[in-house]
Amino acid sequence: MNDDSAPPRWEEHLSAKPRMNIGIAVLLSIITCGIYGLVWQYKQMKVLNFWLNRREYTFGMWFLLSIITCGIYGVYNEYKMARGIVEIQEQNNLMVNNVATICLILTLIGLSIVSMAIQQAEINRFYVKTDT
């Protein structure tokens, strides 16, 4: 019996290697002309959904709406994901770095890869507290 409302198990989550090397992710995104950036975005959404314990971010919807709105939804989503990171930090008593505004500005001026790198640095910090 598969219960979709049941929270994912921690072991399964960690086996997906949620921490990423930011330098490699940026390099692969540049080398692949942004294609790896899509994979990176998917992985970040998956991690945030796990930590928020809800399905807040869906890659397919993000991709479709970003195309339909000529990227405007993508800008909004970067801000929304940064706000999700802050929510997770607050829920888990981690030091809160409110990067939402800086991520919004970076995305608006065409530096979404820098925004993703900042978000990944914050996501990686989720696991510092929980690593054994």
Protein backbone atom coordinates (compact mmCIF):
# COMPACT_ATOMS: atom_id res chain seq x y z
CA MET A 1 0.00 0.00 0.00
CA ASN A 2 1.49 3.34 -1.08
CA ASP A 3 0.41 6.27 1.06
CA ASP A 4 1.31 9.53 -0.73
CA SER A 5 0.56 11.55 2.40
CA ALA A 6 3.24 9.72 4.42
CA PRO A 7 6.44 11.75 4.84
CA PRO A 8 9.46 10.44 2.94
CA ARG A 9 11.98 8.47 4.92
CA TRP A 10 15.22 10.16 5.94
CA GLU A 11 17.43 7.32 4.66
CA GLU A 12 15.86 7.47 1.19
CA HIS A 13 16.30 11.24 1.15
CA LEU A 14 19.98 11.05 2.08
CA SER A 15 20.60 8.34 -0.52
CA ALA A 16 19.63 10.91 -3.18
CA LYS A 17 22.66 12.98 -2.07
CA PRO A 18 20.86 16.25 -1.35
CA ARG A 19 24.07 18.18 -0.65
CA MET A 20 25.74 19.41 -3.80
CA ASN A 21 29.13 20.82 -4.67
CA ILE A 22 28.23 24.33 -5.79
CA GLY A 23 31.31 24.85 -7.95
CA ILE A 24 30.66 21.66 -9.91
CA ALA A 25 26.97 22.55 -10.33
CA VAL A 26 27.85 26.01 -11.67
CA LEU A 27 30.53 24.58 -13.98
CA LEU A 28 28.22 21.89 -15.35
CA SER A 29 25.49 24.49 -15.90
CA ILE A 30 27.89 26.65 -17.91
CA ILE A 31 29.38 23.74 -19.90
CA THR A 32 25.92 22.37 -20.80
CA CYS A 33 24.57 25.83 -21.70
CA GLY A 34 22.09 25.73 -18.84
CA ILE A 35 20.76 22.21 -19.27
CA TYR A 36 22.33 21.04 -16.02
CA GLY A 37 20.76 24.10 -14.40
CA LEU A 38 17.38 22.46 -15.00
CA VAL A 39 18.55 19.31 -13.22
CA TRP A 40 19.93 21.42 -10.41
CA GLN A 41 16.64 23.30 -10.08
CA TYR A 42 14.74 19.98 -9.95
CA LYS A 43 17.01 18.69 -7.18
CA GLN A 44 16.62 21.88 -5.16
CA MET A 45 12.83 21.67 -5.46
CA LYS A 46 12.89 18.05 -4.32
CA VAL A 47 15.00 18.89 -1.26
CA LEU A 48 12.81 21.84 -0.27
CA ASN A 49 9.66 19.74 -0.63
CA PHE A 50 11.22 17.12 1.66
CA TRP A 51 12.18 19.62 4.36
CA LEU A 52 8.86 21.50 4.16
CA ASN A 53 7.03 18.15 4.27
CA ARG A 54 4.68 19.28 1.52
CA ARG A 55 4.66 19.47 -2.24
CA GLU A 56 5.27 23.18 -2.61
CA TYR A 57 7.45 23.10 -5.72
CA THR A 58 6.85 21.08 -8.86
CA PHE A 59 9.40 21.09 -11.64
CA GLY A 60 6.94 20.50 -14.48
CA MET A 61 4.69 23.37 -13.43
CA TRP A 62 7.69 25.66 -12.90
CA PHE A 63 9.09 24.81 -16.33
CA LEU A 64 5.74 25.24 -18.12
CA LEU A 65 4.82 28.49 -16.40
CA SER A 66 8.32 29.89 -16.93
CA ILE A 67 7.98 29.27 -20.67
CA ILE A 68 4.41 30.62 -20.89
CA THR A 69 5.29 33.80 -18.96
CA CYS A 70 8.63 34.32 -20.75
CA GLY A 71 10.56 33.77 -17.55
CA ILE A 72 8.52 35.95 -15.20
CA TYR A 73 7.29 32.94 -13.22
CA GLY A 74 10.89 31.75 -12.93
CA VAL A 75 11.83 35.01 -11.24
CA TYR A 76 8.91 34.67 -8.82
CA ASN A 77 9.84 31.05 -8.13
CA GLU A 78 13.44 31.94 -7.22
CA TYR A 79 12.09 34.37 -4.63
CA LYS A 80 9.55 31.80 -3.40
CA MET A 81 12.23 29.10 -3.04
CA ALA A 82 14.44 31.47 -1.06
CA ARG A 83 11.47 32.17 1.25
CA GLY A 84 11.02 28.40 1.61
CA ILE A 85 14.65 28.11 2.68
CA VAL A 86 14.06 30.75 5.37
CA GLU A 87 10.98 28.84 6.57
CA ILE A 88 13.03 25.64 6.88
CA GLN A 89 15.79 27.46 8.75
CA GLU A 90 13.25 28.86 11.21
CA GLN A 91 11.52 25.50 11.71
CA ASN A 92 14.80 23.74 12.44
CA ASN A 93 16.37 26.42 14.66
CA LEU A 94 19.13 27.13 12.16
CA MET A 95 20.70 30.53 11.68
CA VAL A 96 18.35 32.38 9.35
CA ASN A 97 19.90 34.02 6.31
CA ASN A 98 17.12 35.81 4.49
CA VAL A 99 18.46 35.59 0.96
CA ALA A 100 15.10 36.09 -0.75
CA THR A 101 15.65 39.72 -1.76
CA ILE A 102 19.18 39.17 -3.05
CA CYS A 103 18.03 36.10 -5.01
CA LEU A 104 15.20 38.13 -6.53
CA ILE A 105 17.54 40.94 -7.57
CA LEU A 106 20.14 38.54 -8.99
CA THR A 107 17.48 36.72 -11.00
CA LEU A 108 16.03 39.99 -12.29
CA ILE A 109 19.42 41.09 -13.64
CA GLY A 110 20.03 37.74 -15.32
CA LEU A 111 22.23 36.09 -12.71
CA SER A 112 19.92 33.28 -11.74
CA ILE A 113 22.86 30.88 -11.60
CA VAL A 114 24.31 32.98 -8.75
CA SER A 115 20.90 32.93 -7.05
CA MET A 116 20.82 29.13 -7.35
CA ALA A 117 24.35 28.92 -5.92
CA ILE A 118 23.36 31.04 -2.91
CA GLN A 119 20.28 28.90 -2.36
CA GLN A 120 22.35 25.73 -2.64
CA ALA A 121 24.79 27.03 -0.03
CA GLU A 122 21.86 27.54 2.33
CA ILE A 123 20.41 24.11 1.48
CA ASN A 124 23.78 22.47 2.15
CA ARG A 125 23.71 24.04 5.63
CA PHE A 126 20.57 22.01 6.44
CA TYR A 127 22.76 18.91 6.55
CA VAL A 128 25.63 20.26 8.65
CA LYS A 129 23.48 19.99 11.77
CA THR A 130 22.22 16.50 10.92
CA ASP A 131 25.40 14.82 9.62
CA THR A 132 26.90 12.21 11.92
